[in-house]
Amino acid sequence: MPTVKILPKGIEYEAADGLTIMGAAQSHDYYWPTTCGGEGRCTTCACLVVSGMENLSPRSRAEERVLVEERGQQALETPIRLACQAQVHGDVVVEKVGVRLPFALGGSSLGDKEE
C-alpha cells in the first residue's frame, strides 16, 4: 500500500490506492487544514510535493483553474497540489503545516504524539 509522508512533522501513513492525500490522512484521524471541506474550491489544503509527483493523479482542469485563481499562473509551474484532489497511486512526500491529530486523540497546535 502506498505511503504518504508529511513534512515538517514527519507524519507517515498508508493510503489506499486512489484516495486523495487529504482523504487518506483523514482516514487515519488526522486533521488536514481546509476551508471548503475538500471540494476543490479553495487552496487551503494545498501542499508542496517534495517527491513522488509521478505517483499522484494528474492535475485536473478544475484543480488548475482554482490554483490559478487563488495563487496566480505561476502556481502551475510549481509542485503544488490540492491535497483534496491529488489521488495517491504510490509513495509520496509532501510539505504541509497544520496537519495534526485532533485534540481528542492527543494532538495539539504545538506538536503531536508520535505514531
N, C-alpha and C. Protein backbone atom coordinates (compact mmCIF):
# COMPACT_ATOMS: atom_id res chain seq x y z
N MET A 1 0.85 -1.18 0.00
CA MET A 1 0.00 0.00 0.00
C MET A 1 0.90 1.24 0.00
N PRO A 2 0.55 2.25 -0.80
CA PRO A 2 1.37 3.47 -0.84
C PRO A 2 1.47 4.15 0.52
N THR A 3 2.57 4.85 0.71
CA THR A 3 2.82 5.60 1.94
C THR A 3 2.89 7.09 1.63
N VAL A 4 2.27 7.89 2.49
CA VAL A 4 2.33 9.34 2.39
C VAL A 4 3.10 9.84 3.61
N LYS A 5 4.10 10.68 3.38
CA LYS A 5 4.85 11.29 4.47
C LYS A 5 4.62 12.80 4.41
N ILE A 6 4.30 13.38 5.57
CA ILE A 6 4.02 14.82 5.66
C ILE A 6 5.14 15.50 6.45
N LEU A 7 5.81 16.42 5.79
CA LEU A 7 6.84 17.22 6.44
C LEU A 7 6.21 18.55 6.85
N PRO A 8 6.65 19.26 7.84
CA PRO A 8 7.89 19.06 8.57
C PRO A 8 7.79 18.11 9.76
N LYS A 9 6.59 17.66 10.12
CA LYS A 9 6.42 16.84 11.33
C LYS A 9 6.86 15.40 11.15
N GLY A 10 6.98 14.94 9.92
CA GLY A 10 7.36 13.56 9.70
C GLY A 10 6.22 12.57 9.90
N ILE A 11 4.99 13.05 9.83
CA ILE A 11 3.82 12.18 9.92
C ILE A 11 3.84 11.23 8.73
N GLU A 12 3.55 9.97 8.95
CA GLU A 12 3.54 8.99 7.87
C GLU A 12 2.34 8.07 8.02
N TYR A 13 1.68 7.79 6.93
CA TYR A 13 0.52 6.90 6.96
C TYR A 13 0.38 6.21 5.60
N GLU A 14 -0.35 5.09 5.62
CA GLU A 14 -0.63 4.36 4.39
C GLU A 14 -1.88 4.96 3.74
N ALA A 15 -1.91 4.89 2.41
CA ALA A 15 -3.04 5.41 1.66
C ALA A 15 -3.50 4.35 0.67
N ALA A 16 -4.75 3.97 0.75
CA ALA A 16 -5.30 3.05 -0.23
C ALA A 16 -5.19 3.69 -1.61
N ASP A 17 -4.84 2.90 -2.59
CA ASP A 17 -4.67 3.41 -3.95
C ASP A 17 -5.94 4.15 -4.39
N GLY A 18 -5.76 5.38 -4.86
CA GLY A 18 -6.87 6.18 -5.36
C GLY A 18 -7.47 7.15 -4.37
N LEU A 19 -7.15 6.99 -3.07
CA LEU A 19 -7.60 8.00 -2.11
C LEU A 19 -6.80 9.27 -2.32
N THR A 20 -7.39 10.41 -1.98
CA THR A 20 -6.63 11.66 -2.06
C THR A 20 -5.67 11.75 -0.88
N ILE A 21 -4.69 12.62 -0.99
CA ILE A 21 -3.75 12.82 0.11
C ILE A 21 -4.50 13.19 1.38
N MET A 22 -5.43 14.13 1.26
CA MET A 22 -6.19 14.59 2.42
C MET A 22 -7.15 13.51 2.91
N GLY A 23 -7.82 12.83 2.01
CA GLY A 23 -8.76 11.77 2.39
C GLY A 23 -8.06 10.64 3.13
N ALA A 24 -6.86 10.28 2.68
CA ALA A 24 -6.10 9.23 3.36
C ALA A 24 -5.70 9.68 4.76
N ALA A 25 -5.29 10.94 4.89
CA ALA A 25 -4.92 11.47 6.21
C ALA A 25 -6.13 11.42 7.14
N GLN A 26 -7.27 11.84 6.64
CA GLN A 26 -8.48 11.84 7.45
C GLN A 26 -8.92 10.43 7.82
N SER A 27 -8.64 9.45 6.97
CA SER A 27 -9.00 8.07 7.29
C SER A 27 -8.17 7.53 8.45
N HIS A 28 -7.04 8.20 8.72
CA HIS A 28 -6.19 7.84 9.86
C HIS A 28 -6.38 8.82 11.02
N ASP A 29 -7.48 9.57 10.99
CA ASP A 29 -7.87 10.52 12.04
C ASP A 29 -7.01 11.77 12.12
N TYR A 30 -6.27 12.08 11.06
CA TYR A 30 -5.50 13.33 11.06
C TYR A 30 -6.39 14.48 10.61
N TYR A 31 -6.17 15.63 11.22
CA TYR A 31 -6.82 16.87 10.80
C TYR A 31 -5.98 17.44 9.66
N TRP A 32 -6.63 17.82 8.56
CA TRP A 32 -5.95 18.46 7.43
C TRP A 32 -6.62 19.81 7.22
N PRO A 33 -5.88 20.91 7.27
CA PRO A 33 -6.48 22.23 7.10
C PRO A 33 -7.23 22.36 5.77
N THR A 34 -8.48 22.82 5.83
CA THR A 34 -9.29 23.04 4.64
C THR A 34 -10.35 24.08 4.96
N THR A 35 -10.72 24.85 3.98
CA THR A 35 -11.79 25.83 4.15
C THR A 35 -13.07 25.35 3.47
N CYS A 36 -12.93 24.72 2.31
CA CYS A 36 -14.11 24.31 1.54
C CYS A 36 -14.54 22.88 1.84
N GLY A 37 -13.87 22.22 2.77
CA GLY A 37 -14.25 20.86 3.14
C GLY A 37 -13.84 19.80 2.13
N GLY A 38 -12.86 20.10 1.32
CA GLY A 38 -12.37 19.11 0.36
C GLY A 38 -13.09 19.10 -0.97
N GLU A 39 -13.74 20.20 -1.30
CA GLU A 39 -14.48 20.29 -2.56
C GLU A 39 -13.65 20.86 -3.71
N GLY A 40 -12.37 21.17 -3.46
CA GLY A 40 -11.51 21.69 -4.52
C GLY A 40 -11.81 23.10 -4.94
N ARG A 41 -12.37 23.90 -4.02
CA ARG A 41 -12.74 25.28 -4.36
C ARG A 41 -11.83 26.32 -3.73
N CYS A 42 -11.02 25.93 -2.78
CA CYS A 42 -10.07 26.86 -2.16
C CYS A 42 -8.68 26.26 -2.31
N THR A 43 -7.69 26.87 -1.75
CA THR A 43 -6.35 26.28 -1.80
C THR A 43 -5.79 26.08 -0.39
N THR A 44 -6.66 26.08 0.60
CA THR A 44 -6.21 25.92 1.99
C THR A 44 -5.51 24.58 2.19
N CYS A 45 -5.94 23.55 1.49
CA CYS A 45 -5.36 22.22 1.67
C CYS A 45 -4.09 22.01 0.84
N ALA A 46 -3.72 22.99 0.03
CA ALA A 46 -2.60 22.83 -0.90
C ALA A 46 -1.32 22.44 -0.17
N CYS A 47 -0.57 21.54 -0.81
CA CYS A 47 0.70 21.10 -0.24
C CYS A 47 1.77 21.11 -1.33
N LEU A 48 3.00 21.19 -0.90
CA LEU A 48 4.14 21.16 -1.81
C LEU A 48 4.60 19.71 -1.93
N VAL A 49 4.65 19.19 -3.14
CA VAL A 49 5.10 17.81 -3.35
C VAL A 49 6.62 17.81 -3.40
N VAL A 50 7.22 17.16 -2.40
CA VAL A 50 8.68 17.08 -2.29
C VAL A 50 9.21 15.96 -3.17
N SER A 51 8.53 14.82 -3.16
CA SER A 51 8.89 13.71 -4.04
C SER A 51 7.66 12.85 -4.29
N GLY A 52 7.67 12.17 -5.42
CA GLY A 52 6.59 11.28 -5.77
C GLY A 52 5.48 11.90 -6.60
N MET A 53 5.74 13.04 -7.24
CA MET A 53 4.72 13.67 -8.07
C MET A 53 4.19 12.69 -9.12
N GLU A 54 5.07 11.83 -9.62
CA GLU A 54 4.66 10.85 -10.62
C GLU A 54 3.70 9.79 -10.05
N ASN A 55 3.61 9.72 -8.73
CA ASN A 55 2.72 8.76 -8.06
C ASN A 55 1.36 9.37 -7.70
N LEU A 56 1.10 10.57 -8.18
CA LEU A 56 -0.18 11.24 -7.95
C LEU A 56 -0.94 11.36 -9.26
N SER A 57 -2.25 11.40 -9.17
CA SER A 57 -3.06 11.63 -10.37
C SER A 57 -2.67 12.97 -10.97
N PRO A 58 -2.81 13.14 -12.28
CA PRO A 58 -2.51 14.44 -12.89
C PRO A 58 -3.50 15.51 -12.39
N ARG A 59 -3.06 16.76 -12.44
CA ARG A 59 -3.97 17.85 -12.09
C ARG A 59 -5.12 17.89 -13.09
N SER A 60 -6.32 18.05 -12.59
CA SER A 60 -7.47 18.22 -13.47
C SER A 60 -7.54 19.68 -13.91
N ARG A 61 -8.35 19.94 -14.91
CA ARG A 61 -8.54 21.33 -15.36
C ARG A 61 -9.14 22.16 -14.24
N ALA A 62 -10.04 21.57 -13.46
CA ALA A 62 -10.67 22.30 -12.34
C ALA A 62 -9.62 22.65 -11.28
N GLU A 63 -8.73 21.71 -10.96
CA GLU A 63 -7.68 21.98 -9.97
C GLU A 63 -6.77 23.10 -10.47
N GLU A 64 -6.39 23.03 -11.74
CA GLU A 64 -5.53 24.07 -12.31
C GLU A 64 -6.22 25.43 -12.26
N ARG A 65 -7.51 25.46 -12.57
CA ARG A 65 -8.25 26.73 -12.55
C ARG A 65 -8.26 27.34 -11.15
N VAL A 66 -8.52 26.52 -10.14
CA VAL A 66 -8.54 27.02 -8.76
C VAL A 66 -7.16 27.51 -8.34
N LEU A 67 -6.12 26.77 -8.67
CA LEU A 67 -4.76 27.20 -8.32
C LEU A 67 -4.44 28.55 -8.96
N VAL A 68 -4.78 28.73 -10.22
CA VAL A 68 -4.51 29.99 -10.91
C VAL A 68 -5.34 31.12 -10.30
N GLU A 69 -6.62 30.88 -10.04
CA GLU A 69 -7.47 31.92 -9.46
C GLU A 69 -7.00 32.35 -8.08
N GLU A 70 -6.56 31.40 -7.28
CA GLU A 70 -6.20 31.69 -5.89
C GLU A 70 -4.72 32.05 -5.70
N ARG A 71 -3.84 31.52 -6.54
CA ARG A 71 -2.40 31.70 -6.32
C ARG A 71 -1.64 32.27 -7.51
N GLY A 72 -2.32 32.46 -8.62
CA GLY A 72 -1.68 33.03 -9.80
C GLY A 72 -1.16 31.96 -10.75
N GLN A 73 -0.91 32.36 -11.98
CA GLN A 73 -0.46 31.46 -13.04
C GLN A 73 0.82 30.71 -12.68
N GLN A 74 1.71 31.36 -11.91
CA GLN A 74 2.98 30.73 -11.55
C GLN A 74 2.79 29.48 -10.70
N ALA A 75 1.64 29.32 -10.08
CA ALA A 75 1.38 28.11 -9.27
C ALA A 75 1.46 26.85 -10.11
N LEU A 76 1.14 26.95 -11.40
CA LEU A 76 1.17 25.77 -12.27
C LEU A 76 2.60 25.35 -12.62
N GLU A 77 3.56 26.21 -12.33
CA GLU A 77 4.96 25.90 -12.60
C GLU A 77 5.67 25.35 -11.38
N THR A 78 4.93 25.16 -10.29
CA THR A 78 5.49 24.63 -9.04
C THR A 78 4.85 23.29 -8.73
N PRO A 79 5.48 22.49 -7.85
CA PRO A 79 4.91 21.19 -7.49
C PRO A 79 3.85 21.29 -6.40
N ILE A 80 2.93 22.24 -6.54
CA ILE A 80 1.84 22.41 -5.58
C ILE A 80 0.64 21.60 -6.05
N ARG A 81 0.03 20.89 -5.10
CA ARG A 81 -1.20 20.13 -5.39
C ARG A 81 -2.23 20.42 -4.33
N LEU A 82 -3.50 20.36 -4.72
CA LEU A 82 -4.59 20.41 -3.75
C LEU A 82 -4.68 19.01 -3.16
N ALA A 83 -4.49 18.90 -1.85
CA ALA A 83 -4.48 17.59 -1.20
C ALA A 83 -5.84 16.90 -1.30
N CYS A 84 -6.89 17.68 -1.50
CA CYS A 84 -8.23 17.09 -1.63
C CYS A 84 -8.49 16.55 -3.02
N GLN A 85 -7.62 16.83 -3.96
CA GLN A 85 -7.81 16.40 -5.35
C GLN A 85 -6.75 15.41 -5.83
N ALA A 86 -5.56 15.46 -5.26
CA ALA A 86 -4.45 14.62 -5.71
C ALA A 86 -4.62 13.19 -5.19
N GLN A 87 -4.92 12.27 -6.09
CA GLN A 87 -5.10 10.87 -5.72
C GLN A 87 -3.74 10.17 -5.66
N VAL A 88 -3.57 9.36 -4.64
CA VAL A 88 -2.31 8.66 -4.38
C VAL A 88 -2.30 7.32 -5.11
N HIS A 89 -1.21 7.08 -5.87
CA HIS A 89 -1.03 5.81 -6.57
C HIS A 89 0.33 5.20 -6.29
N GLY A 90 1.06 5.77 -5.35
CA GLY A 90 2.39 5.31 -4.97
C GLY A 90 2.91 6.20 -3.87
N ASP A 91 4.11 5.91 -3.39
CA ASP A 91 4.69 6.67 -2.28
C ASP A 91 4.88 8.14 -2.66
N VAL A 92 4.61 9.01 -1.69
CA VAL A 92 4.74 10.44 -1.91
C VAL A 92 5.15 11.13 -0.61
N VAL A 93 5.93 12.20 -0.74
CA VAL A 93 6.33 13.04 0.38
C VAL A 93 5.87 14.45 0.06
N VAL A 94 5.12 15.05 0.99
CA VAL A 94 4.64 16.41 0.79
C VAL A 94 4.97 17.26 2.01
N GLU A 95 4.95 18.57 1.80
CA GLU A 95 5.17 19.51 2.89
C GLU A 95 3.88 20.28 3.12
N LYS A 96 3.39 20.23 4.37
CA LYS A 96 2.16 20.95 4.72
C LYS A 96 2.15 21.18 6.23
N VAL A 97 2.12 22.43 6.64
CA VAL A 97 2.00 22.74 8.06
C VAL A 97 0.52 22.65 8.46
N GLY A 98 0.29 22.34 9.71
CA GLY A 98 -1.06 22.31 10.24
C GLY A 98 -1.70 20.94 10.29
N VAL A 99 -1.08 19.93 9.68
CA VAL A 99 -1.61 18.58 9.75
C VAL A 99 -1.29 18.03 11.14
N ARG A 100 -2.32 17.49 11.80
CA ARG A 100 -2.12 17.00 13.17
C ARG A 100 -3.24 16.06 13.55
N LEU A 101 -3.02 15.34 14.62
CA LEU A 101 -4.09 14.55 15.20
C LEU A 101 -5.07 15.51 15.87
N PRO A 102 -6.35 15.16 15.91
CA PRO A 102 -7.30 16.01 16.64
C PRO A 102 -6.93 16.07 18.12
N PHE A 103 -7.31 17.13 18.78
CA PHE A 103 -7.00 17.30 20.20
C PHE A 103 -7.47 16.10 21.02
N ALA A 104 -8.62 15.55 20.70
CA ALA A 104 -9.18 14.42 21.45
C ALA A 104 -8.31 13.16 21.34
N LEU A 105 -7.48 13.10 20.30
CA LEU A 105 -6.60 11.94 20.11
C LEU A 105 -5.16 12.24 20.50
N GLY A 106 -4.95 13.33 21.18
CA GLY A 106 -3.61 13.65 21.66
C GLY A 106 -2.88 14.69 20.84
N GLY A 107 -3.50 15.23 19.82
CA GLY A 107 -2.86 16.25 19.01
C GLY A 107 -2.93 17.61 19.69
N SER A 108 -2.05 18.50 19.29
CA SER A 108 -2.08 19.86 19.79
C SER A 108 -1.57 20.79 18.72
N SER A 109 -1.70 22.06 18.94
CA SER A 109 -1.18 23.02 17.97
C SER A 109 0.33 23.15 18.10
N LEU A 110 0.89 22.64 19.20
CA LEU A 110 2.33 22.76 19.43
C LEU A 110 3.09 21.51 19.00
N GLY A 111 2.43 20.41 18.88
CA GLY A 111 3.09 19.17 18.48
C GLY A 111 2.19 18.00 18.76
N ASP A 112 2.44 16.92 18.07
CA ASP A 112 1.62 15.73 18.23
C ASP A 112 2.43 14.59 18.80
N LYS A 113 1.72 13.64 19.35
CA LYS A 113 2.41 12.43 19.77
C LYS A 113 2.86 11.67 18.54
N GLU A 114 3.91 10.94 18.65
CA GLU A 114 4.44 10.17 17.55
C GLU A 114 3.59 8.95 17.33
N GLU A 115 3.50 8.52 16.08
CA GLU A 115 2.79 7.27 15.77
C GLU A 115 3.79 6.19 15.53
